[in-house]
Structures are given as structure tokens and as C-alpha cells.
Amino acid sequence: MYSTLPVPEGGYRFIPAVYQYSGGVAAEPGFRIERVRFAEPVPVEAGFAAIAALLEAAGRPKAAFCACELRSPEPFTEQGFRDFNGIYGRVLEEWGLFRDGRNPVARSNVCPEVSPPAVPSFHAFAYTVPDPSAPPSFVVAGSGESEEGHANYRDHVVALDDLSPDGIAAKVRWVLGEMERRMAALGADWQATTGVQIYTVHDFHAVVANELAARGAARHGLTWQFCRPPIVKIEYEMDCRGVALERVLPR
């Protein structure tokens, strides 16, 4: 069972995970999480600047930035992923967001198979806003079919290189379990979700009824993003959220 740590000045708590992101975040009582999507992907450096400007305009500290969704040109090698995470993580460190060496910001980072961005870019982000009457809200970070926190991902991939129906089913089941473990730590479940996203370029329809829908993940429908997970050899990823207010920034 995962545990959570608070970010008092941000108004949320998070699941400690790995250097590059937390396992998920939930608003503390008296706060709500809002999600903002860019109309088009914004390169990471410019995206951070845009997020900082929006937070300032909203009268919120940088500590209110609690989750993001990235889009990258193609899956990284393990070393390439570490290199990118170092660049991304340094900005969060400069913003003073790390808590005792732990990154509180949840994240998904996937690679569109069609019309990918030229460079790693922001697709969406989330931040907290004071709201005494807000219902619970949360964002679960993206997870592929490999347990995190090890020296590499490849050695822990479920059904490595198996793209058969049985292999895809095994991957889907593992990721569903991880979503449920993270939601449980945040005090949520599938009934609390407002959005569930799937990232894969493979056919997973055989398990929609008996796995995704049967467990409650499809109660409000599923958003299939035709994207690959961010690391070579990982084939299926999900994230989910329970957020009442979402908007799109104009181009």
C-alpha cells in the first residue's frame, strides 16, 4: 500500500515515487485541482514559463503546480530518459518543489505515433486552487507495465516483447492494478474518476469488456491516445484523474 506526504503550501498531498515524478496527487480539504490543456503542445522550456505566468496571474505559488502531461517525439532509451528527466527535474528543483529530495509533481510523458512534436512538450498541467466547498480531486500519474523504482525498466516489463492478445491482456491487468493501488492511497477509486486515458498503439479491444469495463475504468468512457509510452519496450500506459474543472488555453 502506498502512503502520501503533504505539500502544505501547495494544498495537496502526493505519493512518493521516483526522481522524475510522484505516483499521484490529491487536493487537501479546502482546495481543488484544476486541469489546463494547451491547444497545441508547447516545448518544455516555454511551457514552464507559461505555467509560471498562469500561476502568478491566478495568485497561486509555484508550489500549487501538482501534475502535468508531456508529449515527446519518440520513445527514449533508458539513458535518454534519465537525461531528459535530469533537465526536467532541475526546473522543479529551481522552483523549490522537491520535498526532502522527493518530487511531488505527478506526470505522464508519452509519444504520439502520428504528428509527434519536434521536441518534448507540455500537453496539459494541473494546479491547486483554494475552494472551501470543493469535493475531493486527484490526478494519478501515468504508469506503463513495468514496476518503477528499479535500476532499469526493461528487466521488470510485464510480458516483455509479447504483443499477442494474452501478452497485451497481461500488460493491461498490471497497469489497471497500479492505477487502483495509487488511487487507493489517494482515497479514490474508479467511481471517483472523471477521465481515464490509455496510451498504446496496439489493439487492446479484447480486454475492454472483461478487464477495463468490468473493473469500472470505463464508467465514463475511455480516452485512447494513439501514443507510445516514453521508454522503448514499454507498450501500454494509463493515467486517470478526478477533476471537476478543466479548460483549454487558446493558441
Protein backbone atom coordinates (compact mmCIF):
# COMPACT_ATOMS: atom_id res chain seq x y z
CA MET A 1 0.00 0.00 0.00
CA TYR A 2 1.38 3.39 -0.95
CA SER A 3 1.50 6.28 1.51
CA THR A 4 1.30 10.04 0.91
CA LEU A 5 3.16 13.14 2.02
CA PRO A 6 1.75 16.68 2.28
CA VAL A 7 2.73 19.81 0.40
CA PRO A 8 1.08 22.34 2.74
CA GLU A 9 1.91 25.44 0.72
CA GLY A 10 0.56 23.74 -2.39
CA GLY A 11 -2.64 22.44 -0.88
CA TYR A 12 -2.17 18.82 -1.87
CA ARG A 13 -0.55 15.54 -0.89
CA PHE A 14 1.44 13.14 -3.07
CA ILE A 15 2.59 9.55 -3.41
CA PRO A 16 6.42 9.44 -3.21
CA ALA A 17 7.79 7.57 -6.21
CA VAL A 18 10.85 8.24 -8.39
CA TYR A 19 13.02 11.27 -9.14
CA GLN A 20 11.08 12.38 -12.20
CA TYR A 21 7.55 12.29 -10.77
CA SER A 22 5.27 11.25 -7.94
CA GLY A 23 2.75 8.43 -8.24
CA GLY A 24 -0.16 10.83 -7.96
CA VAL A 25 -1.61 13.79 -6.09
CA ALA A 26 -4.82 14.64 -4.25
CA ALA A 27 -6.09 18.02 -3.15
CA GLU A 28 -6.20 18.65 0.57
CA PRO A 29 -9.53 19.72 2.14
CA GLY A 30 -10.22 23.32 1.20
CA PHE A 31 -8.57 23.02 -2.21
CA ARG A 32 -9.47 21.69 -5.65
CA ILE A 33 -7.30 20.60 -8.56
CA GLU A 34 -7.88 22.24 -11.94
CA ARG A 35 -6.55 20.84 -15.23
CA VAL A 36 -5.44 23.05 -18.10
CA ARG A 37 -4.65 21.73 -21.58
CA PHE A 38 -2.69 23.63 -24.18
CA ALA A 39 -4.44 23.82 -27.56
CA GLU A 40 -1.16 22.61 -29.11
CA PRO A 41 1.94 21.11 -27.46
CA VAL A 42 4.28 23.73 -26.01
CA PRO A 43 8.03 22.97 -25.78
CA VAL A 44 9.06 22.23 -22.21
CA GLU A 45 11.03 25.43 -21.56
CA ALA A 46 8.27 27.68 -22.93
CA GLY A 47 5.68 25.52 -21.18
CA PHE A 48 7.27 26.05 -17.78
CA ALA A 49 7.25 29.79 -18.45
CA ALA A 50 3.58 29.70 -19.43
CA ILE A 51 2.68 27.69 -16.34
CA ALA A 52 4.58 30.12 -14.09
CA ALA A 53 2.77 33.06 -15.68
CA LEU A 54 -0.64 31.44 -15.24
CA LEU A 55 0.05 30.63 -11.61
CA GLU A 56 1.17 34.18 -10.94
CA ALA A 57 -1.91 35.61 -12.65
CA ALA A 58 -4.10 33.30 -10.56
CA GLY A 59 -2.37 34.40 -7.37
CA ARG A 60 -1.04 30.90 -6.76
CA PRO A 61 2.50 29.95 -5.73
CA LYS A 62 4.63 27.67 -7.88
CA ALA A 63 4.07 25.03 -5.20
CA ALA A 64 0.47 24.79 -6.48
CA PHE A 65 1.74 23.11 -9.68
CA CYS A 66 0.96 19.47 -8.95
CA ALA A 67 0.73 17.46 -12.19
CA CYS A 68 1.49 17.57 -15.91
CA GLU A 69 1.17 15.61 -19.13
CA LEU A 70 4.05 15.69 -21.61
CA ARG A 71 4.39 14.69 -25.26
CA SER A 72 7.75 13.58 -26.67
CA PRO A 73 8.95 12.92 -30.25
CA GLU A 74 9.66 9.21 -29.77
CA PRO A 75 10.31 6.67 -27.00
CA PHE A 76 13.54 7.22 -25.11
CA THR A 77 16.28 4.75 -24.41
CA GLU A 78 16.75 4.20 -20.67
CA GLN A 79 19.74 6.59 -20.68
CA GLY A 80 17.92 9.12 -22.82
CA PHE A 81 15.02 9.07 -20.36
CA ARG A 82 17.39 9.69 -17.46
CA ASP A 83 18.99 12.58 -19.32
CA PHE A 84 15.65 14.20 -20.09
CA ASN A 85 14.42 13.72 -16.53
CA GLY A 86 17.51 15.49 -15.27
CA ILE A 87 16.68 18.56 -17.35
CA TYR A 88 13.00 18.50 -16.36
CA GLY A 89 13.70 17.81 -12.71
CA ARG A 90 16.17 20.67 -12.38
CA VAL A 91 13.41 23.16 -13.16
CA LEU A 92 11.25 21.70 -10.40
CA GLU A 93 14.23 21.91 -8.05
CA GLU A 94 14.76 25.55 -9.04
CA TRP A 95 11.10 26.19 -8.30
CA GLY A 96 11.64 24.74 -4.82
CA LEU A 97 9.11 21.96 -5.31
CA PHE A 98 11.08 18.94 -4.10
CA ARG A 99 10.30 17.78 -0.55
CA ASP A 100 13.29 16.16 1.19
CA GLY A 101 14.57 15.03 -2.20
CA ARG A 102 11.17 13.77 -3.33
CA ASN A 103 9.41 15.08 -6.41
CA PRO A 104 5.73 15.76 -5.59
CA VAL A 105 4.56 16.53 -9.15
CA ALA A 106 2.64 13.74 -10.90
CA ARG A 107 3.40 13.25 -14.61
CA SER A 108 2.62 11.37 -17.78
CA ASN A 109 5.02 11.51 -20.73
CA VAL A 110 4.01 9.75 -23.93
CA CYS A 111 4.93 9.79 -27.61
CA PRO A 112 2.29 10.40 -30.32
CA GLU A 113 2.62 7.88 -33.13
CA VAL A 114 1.21 10.38 -35.64
CA SER A 115 2.36 14.03 -35.86
CA PRO A 116 4.60 13.98 -32.78
CA PRO A 117 6.10 17.24 -31.51
CA ALA A 118 9.62 18.09 -32.64
CA VAL A 119 10.82 18.33 -29.02
CA PRO A 120 9.47 17.24 -25.61
CA SER A 121 6.48 19.44 -24.88
CA PHE A 122 3.70 20.13 -22.40
CA HIS A 123 0.25 18.84 -23.34
CA ALA A 124 -1.53 19.70 -20.07
CA PHE A 125 -0.92 20.54 -16.44
CA ALA A 126 -2.80 20.81 -13.16
CA TYR A 127 -2.63 23.07 -10.16
CA THR A 128 -4.49 23.65 -6.91
CA VAL A 129 -6.92 26.45 -6.11
CA PRO A 130 -8.45 27.31 -2.73
CA ASP A 131 -12.09 26.22 -2.54
CA PRO A 132 -13.68 25.57 0.87
CA SER A 133 -16.60 23.64 -0.66
CA ALA A 134 -14.61 21.60 -3.22
CA PRO A 135 -15.25 17.86 -3.49
CA PRO A 136 -12.16 15.60 -3.46
CA SER A 137 -9.98 15.80 -6.57
CA PHE A 138 -6.91 13.86 -7.66
CA VAL A 139 -4.55 13.03 -10.53
CA VAL A 140 -2.82 9.65 -10.86
CA ALA A 141 0.48 9.71 -12.76
CA GLY A 142 0.95 7.63 -15.87
CA SER A 143 2.23 4.10 -15.49
CA GLY A 144 3.31 1.52 -18.03
CA GLU A 145 3.63 -2.22 -17.47
CA SER A 146 6.90 -2.03 -15.57
CA GLU A 147 7.34 -1.55 -11.85
CA GLU A 148 9.13 1.68 -11.06
CA GLY A 149 11.98 2.35 -8.69
CA HIS A 150 14.45 -0.19 -10.09
CA ALA A 151 17.77 0.40 -11.86
CA ASN A 152 16.04 -0.03 -15.22
CA TYR A 153 12.58 -0.61 -16.67
CA ARG A 154 13.32 -3.38 -19.18
CA ASP A 155 14.07 -6.09 -16.63
CA HIS A 156 10.69 -5.53 -14.99
CA VAL A 157 8.39 -5.24 -18.03
CA VAL A 158 5.32 -7.46 -17.80
CA ALA A 159 5.16 -9.83 -20.80
CA LEU A 160 8.29 -8.34 -22.38
CA ASP A 161 8.07 -8.32 -26.21
CA ASP A 162 4.78 -10.23 -26.08
CA LEU A 163 2.24 -8.39 -28.25
CA SER A 164 -0.12 -11.37 -28.53
CA PRO A 165 -3.65 -10.98 -27.13
CA ASP A 166 -2.52 -12.75 -23.95
CA GLY A 167 0.53 -10.51 -23.66
CA ILE A 168 -1.50 -7.33 -24.09
CA ALA A 169 -4.04 -8.61 -21.56
CA ALA A 170 -1.28 -9.20 -19.00
CA LYS A 171 0.05 -5.68 -19.53
CA VAL A 172 -3.42 -4.15 -19.18
CA ARG A 173 -4.14 -6.08 -15.97
CA TRP A 174 -0.88 -4.99 -14.36
CA VAL A 175 -1.42 -1.33 -15.22
CA LEU A 176 -5.03 -1.44 -14.01
CA GLY A 177 -3.76 -2.79 -10.72
CA GLU A 178 -1.23 0.00 -10.44
CA MET A 179 -3.90 2.63 -11.12
CA GLU A 180 -6.02 1.08 -8.36
CA ARG A 181 -3.12 0.96 -5.90
CA ARG A 182 -2.35 4.63 -6.47
CA MET A 183 -5.98 5.70 -6.27
CA ALA A 184 -6.40 3.79 -3.01
CA ALA A 185 -3.51 5.74 -1.49
CA LEU A 186 -5.24 8.97 -2.54
CA GLY A 187 -8.58 7.91 -1.10
CA ALA A 188 -10.17 7.38 -4.53
CA ASP A 189 -11.37 4.63 -6.84
CA TRP A 190 -12.77 4.25 -10.36
CA GLN A 191 -16.12 5.72 -9.28
CA ALA A 192 -14.34 8.97 -8.45
CA THR A 193 -12.69 9.33 -11.86
CA THR A 194 -13.72 11.96 -14.39
CA GLY A 195 -11.16 10.94 -17.01
CA VAL A 196 -9.25 7.75 -17.85
CA GLN A 197 -6.61 7.79 -20.60
CA ILE A 198 -4.95 4.86 -22.38
CA TYR A 199 -1.71 5.20 -24.33
CA THR A 200 -0.79 2.47 -26.77
CA VAL A 201 -0.53 1.78 -30.49
CA HIS A 202 -1.63 -1.85 -30.05
CA ASP A 203 -5.08 -3.42 -30.18
CA PHE A 204 -6.41 -3.80 -26.65
CA HIS A 205 -10.10 -4.18 -27.55
CA ALA A 206 -10.21 -7.82 -26.45
CA VAL A 207 -9.88 -6.74 -22.81
CA VAL A 208 -12.14 -3.68 -22.84
CA ALA A 209 -15.20 -5.58 -21.60
CA ASN A 210 -13.73 -8.15 -19.22
CA GLU A 211 -10.94 -6.01 -17.71
CA LEU A 212 -11.36 -2.26 -18.24
CA ALA A 213 -15.16 -2.03 -18.13
CA ALA A 214 -15.62 -4.87 -15.63
CA ARG A 215 -13.37 -3.15 -13.10
CA GLY A 216 -15.08 0.23 -13.56
CA ALA A 217 -12.38 2.04 -15.53
CA ALA A 218 -14.73 2.75 -18.45
CA ARG A 219 -17.71 4.07 -16.49
CA HIS A 220 -17.38 7.49 -18.17
CA GLY A 221 -15.77 6.13 -21.31
CA LEU A 222 -12.08 5.81 -22.16
CA THR A 223 -9.83 8.24 -23.99
CA TRP A 224 -7.47 6.29 -26.25
CA GLN A 225 -4.45 8.40 -27.08
CA PHE A 226 -2.63 6.81 -30.05
CA CYS A 227 0.74 7.19 -28.36
CA ARG A 228 3.60 5.02 -27.22
CA PRO A 229 4.83 5.06 -23.61
CA PRO A 230 8.05 7.04 -23.13
CA ILE A 231 10.54 4.17 -22.91
CA VAL A 232 11.47 1.60 -25.52
CA LYS A 233 9.95 -1.85 -24.79
CA ILE A 234 7.02 -0.50 -22.76
CA GLU A 235 3.83 -0.85 -24.81
CA TYR A 236 0.84 0.17 -22.70
CA GLU A 237 0.26 3.05 -20.29
CA MET A 238 -2.65 4.59 -18.41
CA ASP A 239 -3.38 7.56 -16.22
CA CYS A 240 -6.59 8.76 -14.58
CA ARG A 241 -8.00 11.71 -12.71
CA GLY A 242 -10.95 13.01 -10.76
CA VAL A 243 -11.06 16.71 -11.60
CA ALA A 244 -14.27 18.73 -11.77
CA LEU A 245 -12.94 21.76 -13.69
CA GLU A 246 -10.87 21.57 -16.90
CA ARG A 247 -10.17 24.11 -19.62
CA VAL A 248 -8.17 24.61 -22.78
CA LEU A 249 -5.81 27.53 -23.28
CA PRO A 250 -6.24 29.18 -26.69
CA ARG A 251 -3.47 29.04 -29.26
